[in-house]
C-alpha atoms as a PDB file:
ATOM      1  CA  MET A   1     -59.498 230.902-278.370  1.00  0.00           C
ATOM      2  CA  VAL A   2     -56.270 232.844-279.015  1.00  0.00           C
ATOM      3  CA  SER A   3     -57.309 235.602-281.394  1.00  0.00           C
ATOM      4  CA  PHE A   4     -55.130 237.694-283.691  1.00  0.00           C
ATOM      5  CA  GLY A   5     -57.935 240.210-283.529  1.00  0.00           C
ATOM      6  CA  PRO A   6     -61.218 241.221-285.105  1.00  0.00           C
ATOM      7  CA  ILE A   7     -61.592 242.302-288.713  1.00  0.00           C
ATOM      8  CA  GLN A   8     -64.379 244.425-290.111  1.00  0.00           C
ATOM      9  CA  PRO A   9     -66.766 242.630-292.498  1.00  0.00           C
ATOM     10  CA  ASP A  10     -67.636 245.914-294.219  1.00  0.00           C
ATOM     11  CA  SER A  11     -65.382 248.945-294.072  1.00  0.00           C
ATOM     12  CA  THR A  12     -68.176 251.154-295.420  1.00  0.00           C
ATOM     13  CA  SER A  13     -70.419 250.555-292.413  1.00  0.00           C
ATOM     14  CA  GLU A  14     -70.983 253.565-290.193  1.00  0.00           C
ATOM     15  CA  THR A  15     -69.812 251.891-286.994  1.00  0.00           C
ATOM     16  CA  ALA A  16     -68.753 248.408-286.070  1.00  0.00           C
ATOM     17  CA  SER A  17     -71.178 248.490-283.149  1.00  0.00           C
ATOM     18  CA  LYS A  18     -74.102 248.353-285.584  1.00  0.00           C
ATOM     19  CA  GLN A  19     -72.921 245.058-287.074  1.00  0.00           C
ATOM     20  CA  ILE A  20     -74.441 241.935-285.565  1.00  0.00           C
ATOM     21  CA  ALA A  21     -71.984 239.757-287.522  1.00  0.00           C
ATOM     22  CA  THR A  22     -68.360 240.088-286.436  1.00  0.00           C
ATOM     23  CA  LEU A  23     -65.205 238.211-287.415  1.00  0.00           C
ATOM     24  CA  TYR A  24     -62.228 237.010-285.384  1.00  0.00           C
ATOM     25  CA  VAL A  25     -59.016 235.639-286.878  1.00  0.00           C
ATOM     26  CA  HIS A  26     -57.227 232.947-284.882  1.00  0.00           C
ATOM     27  CA  PRO A  27     -55.154 229.766-285.269  1.00  0.00           C
ATOM     28  CA  TRP A  28     -56.972 226.428-285.472  1.00  0.00           C
ATOM     29  CA  GLN A  29     -55.100 223.124-285.577  1.00  0.00           C
ATOM     30  CA  SER A  30     -51.977 224.777-287.043  1.00  0.00           C
ATOM     31  CA  GLN A  31     -53.897 226.632-289.733  1.00  0.00           C
ATOM     32  CA  LEU A  32     -55.551 230.007-290.134  1.00  0.00           C
ATOM     33  CA  ALA A  33     -59.201 230.283-289.122  1.00  0.00           C
ATOM     34  CA  VAL A  34     -61.832 233.013-289.088  1.00  0.00           C
ATOM     35  CA  THR A  35     -64.783 232.629-286.741  1.00  0.00           C
ATOM     36  CA  LEU A  36     -68.024 234.437-287.482  1.00  0.00           C
ATOM     37  CA  ARG A  37     -70.068 235.469-284.472  1.00  0.00           C
ATOM     38  CA  ILE A  38     -73.620 236.746-284.336  1.00  0.00           C
ATOM     39  CA  ARG A  39     -74.247 238.904-281.275  1.00  0.00           C
ATOM     40  CA  GLN A  40     -70.965 237.518-279.882  1.00  0.00           C
ATOM     41  CA  ILE A  41     -72.071 233.867-280.230  1.00  0.00           C
ATOM     42  CA  PRO A  42     -69.813 231.747-282.496  1.00  0.00           C
ATOM     43  CA  VAL A  43     -71.664 230.299-285.482  1.00  0.00           C
ATOM     44  CA  LEU A  44     -69.295 229.285-288.282  1.00  0.00           C
ATOM     45  CA  THR A  45     -65.525 228.997-288.656  1.00  0.00           C
ATOM     46  CA  PHE A  46     -63.858 229.478-292.041  1.00  0.00           C
ATOM     47  CA  LEU A  47     -60.672 227.445-292.438  1.00  0.00           C
ATOM     48  CA  GLY A  48     -57.553 228.748-294.135  1.00  0.00           C
ATOM     49  CA  SER A  49     -54.151 227.124-294.591  1.00  0.00           C
ATOM     50  CA  LYS A  50     -50.947 226.608-292.628  1.00  0.00           C
ATOM     51  CA  ALA A  51     -49.155 228.906-295.068  1.00  0.00           C
ATOM     52  CA  GLU A  52     -51.649 231.706-294.375  1.00  0.00           C
ATOM     53  CA  LEU A  53     -51.148 231.291-290.641  1.00  0.00           C
ATOM     54  CA  ALA A  54     -47.373 231.419-291.107  1.00  0.00           C
ATOM     55  CA  ALA A  55     -47.696 234.571-293.217  1.00  0.00           C
ATOM     56  CA  LEU A  56     -49.753 236.207-290.494  1.00  0.00           C
ATOM     57  CA  ARG A  57     -47.259 235.321-287.771  1.00  0.00           C
ATOM     58  CA  GLU A  58     -44.417 236.746-289.863  1.00  0.00           C
ATOM     59  CA  GLN A  59     -45.964 240.182-289.350  1.00  0.00           C
ATOM     60  CA  GLY A  60     -44.631 240.131-285.798  1.00  0.00           C
ATOM     61  CA  ASN A  61     -46.264 242.420-283.264  1.00  0.00           C
ATOM     62  CA  ASP A  62     -48.084 244.505-285.871  1.00  0.00           C
ATOM     63  CA  ILE A  63     -50.506 241.848-287.123  1.00  0.00           C
ATOM     64  CA  ASP A  64     -53.046 242.849-289.762  1.00  0.00           C
ATOM     65  CA  PRO A  65     -55.026 239.903-291.211  1.00  0.00           C
ATOM     66  CA  THR A  66     -56.261 242.045-294.106  1.00  0.00           C
ATOM     67  CA  LYS A  67     -52.713 242.278-295.493  1.00  0.00           C
ATOM     68  CA  ILE A  68     -52.528 238.604-296.463  1.00  0.00           C
ATOM     69  CA  GLU A  69     -54.328 236.842-299.292  1.00  0.00           C
ATOM     70  CA  SER A  70     -56.794 234.373-297.815  1.00  0.00           C
ATOM     71  CA  LYS A  71     -59.868 232.768-299.325  1.00  0.00           C
ATOM     72  CA  ALA A  72     -61.105 232.008-295.800  1.00  0.00           C
ATOM     73  CA  ILE A  73     -60.976 235.685-294.831  1.00  0.00           C
ATOM     74  CA  ASP A  74     -62.608 236.758-298.090  1.00  0.00           C
ATOM     75  CA  ARG A  75     -65.457 234.225-297.719  1.00  0.00           C
ATOM     76  CA  ALA A  76     -66.014 235.130-294.081  1.00  0.00           C
ATOM     77  CA  LYS A  77     -66.128 238.860-294.855  1.00  0.00           C
ATOM     78  CA  ALA A  78     -68.581 238.357-297.713  1.00  0.00           C
ATOM     79  CA  PHE A  79     -70.907 236.211-295.589  1.00  0.00           C
ATOM     80  CA  ALA A  80     -70.748 238.563-292.604  1.00  0.00           C
ATOM     81  CA  LYS A  81     -71.431 241.549-294.844  1.00  0.00           C
ATOM     82  CA  ARG A  82     -74.517 239.834-296.272  1.00  0.00           C
ATOM     83  CA  LEU A  83     -75.828 238.981-292.799  1.00  0.00           C
ATOM     84  CA  ASN A  84     -75.358 242.574-291.664  1.00  0.00           C
ATOM     85  CA  GLU A  85     -77.246 243.743-294.744  1.00  0.00           C
ATOM     86  CA  LEU A  86     -80.109 241.384-293.928  1.00  0.00           C
ATOM     87  CA  ASP A  87     -80.208 242.629-290.342  1.00  0.00           C
ATOM     88  CA  ASN A  88     -80.878 246.122-291.695  1.00  0.00           C
ATOM     89  CA  ASP A  89     -83.494 244.920-294.194  1.00  0.00           C
ATOM     90  CA  ASN A  90     -87.012 245.454-292.853  1.00  0.00           C
ATOM     91  CA  THR A  91     -88.362 242.732-295.156  1.00  0.00           C
ATOM     92  CA  PHE A  92     -85.987 240.057-293.824  1.00  0.00           C
ATOM     93  CA  LYS A  93     -87.589 237.207-291.874  1.00  0.00           C
ATOM     94  CA  ALA A  94     -85.374 234.724-290.059  1.00  0.00           C
ATOM     95  CA  GLU A  95     -88.036 232.042-290.488  1.00  0.00           C
ATOM     96  CA  ASN A  96     -87.152 232.003-294.199  1.00  0.00           C
ATOM     97  CA  LEU A  97     -83.663 230.685-293.435  1.00  0.00           C
ATOM     98  CA  SER A  98     -83.303 226.988-294.244  1.00  0.00           C
ATOM     99  CA  VAL A  99     -80.653 224.348-294.864  1.00  0.00           C
ATOM    100  CA  THR A 100     -80.551 221.995-297.841  1.00  0.00           C
ATOM    101  CA  LEU A 101     -78.597 218.902-298.794  1.00  0.00           C
ATOM    102  CA  ASN A 102     -76.666 219.299-302.048  1.00  0.00           C
ATOM    103  CA  PRO A 103     -75.983 216.541-304.619  1.00  0.00           C
ATOM    104  CA  ASP A 104     -72.297 216.527-303.587  1.00  0.00           C
ATOM    105  CA  LYS A 105     -73.317 215.749-299.975  1.00  0.00           C
ATOM    106  CA  THR A 106     -72.466 219.235-298.730  1.00  0.00           C
ATOM    107  CA  HIS A 107     -75.098 221.510-297.182  1.00  0.00           C
ATOM    108  CA  SER A 108     -76.147 225.064-297.988  1.00  0.00           C
ATOM    109  CA  ILE A 109     -77.771 227.654-295.762  1.00  0.00           C
ATOM    110  CA  LYS A 110     -80.357 229.539-297.787  1.00  0.00           C
ATOM    111  CA  LEU A 111     -82.665 232.515-297.541  1.00  0.00           C
ATOM    112  CA  ASN A 112     -85.637 231.420-299.616  1.00  0.00           C
ATOM    113  CA  SER A 113     -83.886 230.409-302.877  1.00  0.00           C
ATOM    114  CA  GLU A 114     -80.709 232.468-302.280  1.00  0.00           C
ATOM    115  CA  GLU A 115     -77.669 230.454-301.200  1.00  0.00           C
ATOM    116  CA  LEU A 116     -76.033 232.413-298.383  1.00  0.00           C
ATOM    117  CA  ILE A 117     -73.179 230.011-297.680  1.00  0.00           C
ATOM    118  CA  LYS A 118     -72.109 226.526-298.740  1.00  0.00           C
ATOM    119  CA  LEU A 119     -70.825 224.391-295.888  1.00  0.00           C
ATOM    120  CA  ASP A 120     -67.965 222.680-297.681  1.00  0.00           C
ATOM    121  CA  LYS A 121     -64.660 221.481-296.226  1.00  0.00           C
ATOM    122  CA  GLY A 122     -63.611 225.102-295.733  1.00  0.00           C
ATOM    123  CA  VAL A 123     -66.523 226.030-293.446  1.00  0.00           C
ATOM    124  CA  ILE A 124     -67.427 224.250-290.200  1.00  0.00           C
ATOM    125  CA  LEU A 125     -69.677 224.789-287.213  1.00  0.00           C
ATOM    126  CA  SER A 126     -67.553 226.669-284.674  1.00  0.00           C
ATOM    127  CA  ASP A 127     -68.215 223.958-282.100  1.00  0.00           C
ATOM    128  CA  THR A 128     -68.286 221.110-284.590  1.00  0.00           C
ATOM    129  CA  THR A 129     -69.931 217.825-283.654  1.00  0.00           C
ATOM    130  CA  ARG A 130     -68.083 216.153-286.562  1.00  0.00           C
ATOM    131  CA  ASN A 131     -71.452 215.222-288.041  1.00  0.00           C
ATOM    132  CA  LYS A 132     -72.069 217.325-291.154  1.00  0.00           C
ATOM    133  CA  ALA A 133     -75.860 217.156-291.015  1.00  0.00           C
ATOM    134  CA  ILE A 134     -76.099 218.081-287.349  1.00  0.00           C
ATOM    135  CA  ASP A 135     -73.552 220.868-287.798  1.00  0.00           C
ATOM    136  CA  ALA A 136     -75.515 222.306-290.729  1.00  0.00           C
ATOM    137  CA  LEU A 137     -78.772 222.229-288.783  1.00  0.00           C
ATOM    138  CA  GLN A 138     -77.125 223.731-285.699  1.00  0.00           C
ATOM    139  CA  ALA A 139     -75.609 226.600-287.682  1.00  0.00           C
ATOM    140  CA  THR A 140     -78.896 227.360-289.425  1.00  0.00           C
ATOM    141  CA  ASN A 141     -80.867 227.302-286.193  1.00  0.00           C
ATOM    142  CA  ARG A 142     -78.381 229.623-284.525  1.00  0.00           C
ATOM    143  CA  LEU A 143     -78.806 232.102-287.358  1.00  0.00           C
ATOM    144  CA  ARG A 144     -82.608 231.777-287.193  1.00  0.00           C
ATOM    145  CA  ARG A 145     -82.574 232.381-283.455  1.00  0.00           C
ATOM    146  CA  LEU A 146     -79.997 235.171-283.317  1.00  0.00           C
ATOM    147  CA  MET A 147     -81.299 237.065-286.335  1.00  0.00           C
ATOM    148  CA  GLY A 148     -85.010 236.992-285.570  1.00  0.00           C
ATOM    149  CA  ASN A 149     -86.088 234.588-282.826  1.00  0.00           C
ATOM    150  CA  ALA A 150     -87.381 232.114-285.419  1.00  0.00           C
ATOM    151  CA  PRO A 151     -88.231 228.622-284.112  1.00  0.00           C
ATOM    152  CA  PRO A 152     -85.624 225.900-284.715  1.00  0.00           C
ATOM    153  CA  LEU A 153     -85.760 223.547-287.670  1.00  0.00           C
ATOM    154  CA  THR A 154     -85.770 219.817-286.980  1.00  0.00           C
ATOM    155  CA  ALA A 155     -84.931 218.571-290.465  1.00  0.00           C
ATOM    156  CA  ILE A 156     -82.890 219.360-293.557  1.00  0.00           C
ATOM    157  CA  VAL A 157     -84.518 220.002-296.919  1.00  0.00           C
ATOM    158  CA  ASN A 158     -83.451 217.294-299.359  1.00  0.00           C
ATOM    159  CA  PRO A 159     -84.514 218.238-302.910  1.00  0.00           C
ATOM    160  CA  ASN A 160     -83.044 214.977-304.218  1.00  0.00           C
ATOM    161  CA  GLN A 161     -85.430 212.697-302.336  1.00  0.00           C
ATOM    162  CA  PRO A 162     -87.503 210.293-304.472  1.00  0.00           C
ATOM    163  CA  ARG A 163     -90.876 211.761-305.403  1.00  0.00           C
ATOM    164  CA  ASN A 164     -92.750 209.383-303.138  1.00  0.00           C
ATOM    165  CA  ASN A 165     -91.208 211.268-300.226  1.00  0.00           C
ATOM    166  CA  GLU A 166     -93.506 214.264-300.443  1.00  0.00           C
ATOM    167  CA  SER A 167     -92.059 216.051-297.473  1.00  0.00           C
ATOM    168  CA  GLY A 168     -88.630 216.401-299.071  1.00  0.00           C
ATOM    169  CA  LEU A 169     -87.120 216.482-295.594  1.00  0.00           C
ATOM    170  CA  ALA A 170     -84.250 214.442-294.250  1.00  0.00           C
ATOM    171  CA  SER A 171     -84.243 213.987-290.498  1.00  0.00           C
ATOM    172  CA  VAL A 172     -80.815 214.470-288.943  1.00  0.00           C
ATOM    173  CA  ARG A 173     -80.965 211.706-286.322  1.00  0.00           C
ATOM    174  CA  PRO A 174     -83.845 209.785-284.796  1.00  0.00           C
ATOM    175  CA  VAL A 175     -84.951 210.549-281.249  1.00  0.00           C
ATOM    176  CA  THR A 176     -84.395 207.448-279.128  1.00  0.00           C
ATOM    177  CA  SER A 177     -85.851 208.734-275.854  1.00  0.00           C
ATOM    178  CA  ARG A 178     -87.261 211.817-274.170  1.00  0.00           C
ATOM    179  CA  ARG A 179     -87.234 213.050-270.618  1.00  0.00           C
ATOM    180  CA  LYS A 180     -88.006 216.262-268.746  1.00  0.00           C
ATOM    181  CA  GLY A 181     -86.425 217.992-265.791  1.00  0.00           C
ATOM    182  CA  MET A 182     -84.528 221.070-264.672  1.00  0.00           C
ATOM    183  CA  ALA A 183     -81.400 222.267-266.454  1.00  0.00           C
ATOM    184  CA  SER A 184     -78.640 224.540-265.198  1.00  0.00           C
ATOM    185  CA  TRP A 185     -75.413 225.866-266.718  1.00  0.00           C
ATOM    186  CA  TYR A 186     -71.775 226.261-265.752  1.00  0.00           C
ATOM    187  CA  GLY A 187     -69.143 228.547-267.192  1.00  0.00           C
ATOM    188  CA  PRO A 188     -66.348 230.937-266.176  1.00  0.00           C
ATOM    189  CA  GLY A 189     -65.003 229.019-263.184  1.00  0.00           C
ATOM    190  CA  PHE A 190     -64.517 225.881-265.290  1.00  0.00           C
ATOM    191  CA  HIS A 191     -63.406 227.412-268.617  1.00  0.00           C
ATOM    192  CA  GLY A 192     -60.177 225.785-269.801  1.00  0.00           C
ATOM    193  CA  ARG A 193     -60.273 222.943-267.289  1.00  0.00           C
ATOM    194  CA  LEU A 194     -60.331 219.294-268.304  1.00  0.00           C
ATOM    195  CA  THR A 195     -63.782 217.748-268.653  1.00  0.00           C
ATOM    196  CA  ALA A 196     -64.573 214.182-267.650  1.00  0.00           C
ATOM    197  CA  ASN A 197     -63.811 212.913-271.166  1.00  0.00           C
ATOM    198  CA  GLY A 198     -60.374 214.561-271.163  1.00  0.00           C
ATOM    199  CA  GLU A 199     -60.937 217.592-273.401  1.00  0.00           C
ATOM    200  CA  ARG A 200     -60.640 221.243-272.427  1.00  0.00           C
ATOM    201  CA  TYR A 201     -63.919 222.798-271.391  1.00  0.00           C
ATOM    202  CA  ASN A 202     -64.978 225.665-273.654  1.00  0.00           C
ATOM    203  CA  GLN A 203     -67.778 227.620-272.003  1.00  0.00           C
ATOM    204  CA  ASN A 204     -68.726 229.112-275.383  1.00  0.00           C
ATOM    205  CA  GLY A 205     -69.176 225.733-277.065  1.00  0.00           C
ATOM    206  CA  LEU A 206     -72.359 223.687-277.332  1.00  0.00           C
ATOM    207  CA  THR A 207     -71.661 220.942-274.825  1.00  0.00           C
ATOM    208  CA  ALA A 208     -73.203 219.609-271.636  1.00  0.00           C
ATOM    209  CA  ALA A 209     -72.619 217.474-268.576  1.00  0.00           C
ATOM    210  CA  HIS A 210     -74.841 214.471-267.861  1.00  0.00           C
ATOM    211  CA  LYS A 211     -74.548 211.823-265.176  1.00  0.00           C
ATOM    212  CA  THR A 212     -74.911 208.691-267.308  1.00  0.00           C
ATOM    213  CA  LEU A 213     -75.191 209.344-271.064  1.00  0.00           C
ATOM    214  CA  PRO A 214     -72.149 208.150-273.052  1.00  0.00           C
ATOM    215  CA  PHE A 215     -69.640 210.801-274.053  1.00  0.00           C
ATOM    216  CA  GLY A 216     -70.349 212.087-277.547  1.00  0.00           C
ATOM    217  CA  THR A 217     -74.118 211.589-277.262  1.00  0.00           C
ATOM    218  CA  GLN A 218     -76.098 214.297-279.042  1.00  0.00           C
ATOM    219  CA  VAL A 219     -79.025 215.728-277.056  1.00  0.00           C
ATOM    220  CA  ARG A 220     -81.606 218.263-278.202  1.00  0.00           C
ATOM    221  CA  VAL A 221     -82.437 220.477-275.220  1.00  0.00           C
ATOM    222  CA  THR A 222     -85.620 222.568-275.364  1.00  0.00           C
ATOM    223  CA  ASN A 223     -86.340 225.320-272.860  1.00  0.00           C
ATOM    224  CA  LEU A 224     -89.997 224.728-271.984  1.00  0.00           C
ATOM    225  CA  ARG A 225     -90.443 228.352-270.955  1.00  0.00           C
ATOM    226  CA  ASN A 226     -89.729 229.804-274.391  1.00  0.00           C
ATOM    227  CA  GLY A 227     -89.543 226.880-276.838  1.00  0.00           C
ATOM    228  CA  ARG A 228     -85.928 227.524-277.856  1.00  0.00           C
ATOM    229  CA  SER A 229     -83.809 224.471-278.653  1.00  0.00           C
ATOM    230  CA  VAL A 230     -80.152 223.594-279.016  1.00  0.00           C
ATOM    231  CA  ILE A 231     -78.305 220.357-279.772  1.00  0.00           C
ATOM    232  CA  VAL A 232     -75.436 219.691-277.379  1.00  0.00           C
ATOM    233  CA  ARG A 233     -72.709 217.071-277.165  1.00  0.00           C
ATOM    234  CA  ILE A 234     -72.133 215.300-273.846  1.00  0.00           C
ATOM    235  CA  ASN A 235     -68.492 215.697-272.790  1.00  0.00           C
ATOM    236  CA  ASP A 236     -68.651 215.975-269.000  1.00  0.00           C
ATOM    237  CA  ARG A 237     -70.273 214.496-265.908  1.00  0.00           C
ATOM    238  CA  GLY A 238     -72.843 216.235-263.732  1.00  0.00           C
ATOM    239  CA  PRO A 239     -74.856 218.049-262.588  1.00  0.00           C
ATOM    240  CA  PHE A 240     -74.213 217.184-258.975  1.00  0.00           C
ATOM    241  CA  VAL A 241     -77.024 219.325-257.575  1.00  0.00           C
ATOM    242  CA  GLY A 242     -80.202 217.458-256.760  1.00  0.00           C
ATOM    243  CA  GLY A 243     -83.209 217.781-259.045  1.00  0.00           C
ATOM    244  CA  ARG A 244     -81.302 218.714-262.212  1.00  0.00           C
ATOM    245  CA  VAL A 245     -81.005 216.496-265.276  1.00  0.00           C
ATOM    246  CA  ILE A 246     -78.356 218.309-267.339  1.00  0.00           C
ATOM    247  CA  ASP A 247     -75.721 221.013-266.938  1.00  0.00           C
ATOM    248  CA  LEU A 248     -75.232 223.123-270.074  1.00  0.00           C
ATOM    249  CA  SER A 249     -72.243 225.119-271.248  1.00  0.00           C
ATOM    250  CA  LYS A 250     -72.710 228.880-271.169  1.00  0.00           C
ATOM    251  CA  GLY A 251     -72.858 228.911-274.980  1.00  0.00           C
ATOM    252  CA  ALA A 252     -75.689 226.384-275.062  1.00  0.00           C
ATOM    253  CA  ALA A 253     -77.506 228.147-272.223  1.00  0.00           C
ATOM    254  CA  SER A 254     -77.299 231.416-274.173  1.00  0.00           C
ATOM    255  CA  VAL A 255     -78.940 229.875-277.231  1.00  0.00           C
ATOM    256  CA  ILE A 256     -82.009 228.757-275.282  1.00  0.00           C
ATOM    257  CA  GLY A 257     -82.240 231.797-272.996  1.00  0.00           C
ATOM    258  CA  LEU A 258     -81.115 230.108-269.793  1.00  0.00           C
ATOM    259  CA  VAL A 259     -78.201 232.282-268.658  1.00  0.00           C
ATOM    260  CA  SER A 260     -80.094 234.973-266.754  1.00  0.00           C
ATOM    261  CA  SER A 261     -82.482 232.605-264.979  1.00  0.00           C
ATOM    262  CA  GLY A 262     -79.771 230.083-264.098  1.00  0.00           C
ATOM    263  CA  VAL A 263     -82.161 227.139-264.205  1.00  0.00           C
ATOM    264  CA  ALA A 264     -85.209 226.258-266.295  1.00  0.00           C
ATOM    265  CA  PRO A 265     -87.489 223.314-267.073  1.00  0.00           C
ATOM    266  CA  VAL A 266     -86.339 221.526-270.218  1.00  0.00           C
ATOM    267  CA  GLN A 267     -87.123 218.577-272.427  1.00  0.00           C
ATOM    268  CA  LEU A 268     -84.216 216.339-273.404  1.00  0.00           C
ATOM    269  CA  GLU A 269     -84.374 214.399-276.664  1.00  0.00           C
ATOM    270  CA  ILE A 270     -81.621 211.810-276.922  1.00  0.00           C
ATOM    271  CA  LEU A 271     -80.557 211.508-280.562  1.00  0.00           C
ATOM    272  CA  GLY A 272     -79.541 208.175-282.037  1.00  0.00           C
ATOM    273  CA  ARG A 273     -76.269 207.606-283.858  1.00  0.00           C
END
């Protein structure tokens, strides 16, 4: 990611080092974008316009994103500020974070009944799967994990379900098969190289290499040592070391606590389309 630089979510904070939510401004598909990270892991990207990107580039070598008018920057700063406030709130519990389906088919991440952010066309998962429901669940689970080690959700609250559906939950995708084995991860040496499906490998994304699953397949990977889960998209082939069933990106490995150990026993849940 080519970044124009970080911006401070809250200028009144004592030090930036105390903020778990940070913001980075960068170009994305010819338009301005602001990526929100929690503990340096990308969570959501706020999308601006081509005109905003052009205005930023016109500043030359002395770029200051705060000097342009941008709804994306304003929304990102407000959300990051709220997350930093929650991190300093002793009553905050990450397990109270949830995601709901709205009547207009968008999703909202909530803390109890408080809407923290609406995932409309201007806000996407930083490593989008291009499936709105999966992206919403991924983003919420990353926040739950990074802000309090809360267990991952497996469904989205749907308050508009008919009353005979007492659970009020909408499953994202059905699990078509399960298998267990050892997982590993790969990162710096491959970052920026072409993957087997032709895209550039981003070690900070939520992707994985598998020997046979079709490209684009969504897989929920659960670390059996700690119960942490992440949904990854298959975009590469591997692993080519015996006894391993999947090779995760560094970003995915970080979510489930796999980076330091290098390998770990996992359960794979293949998600249907």
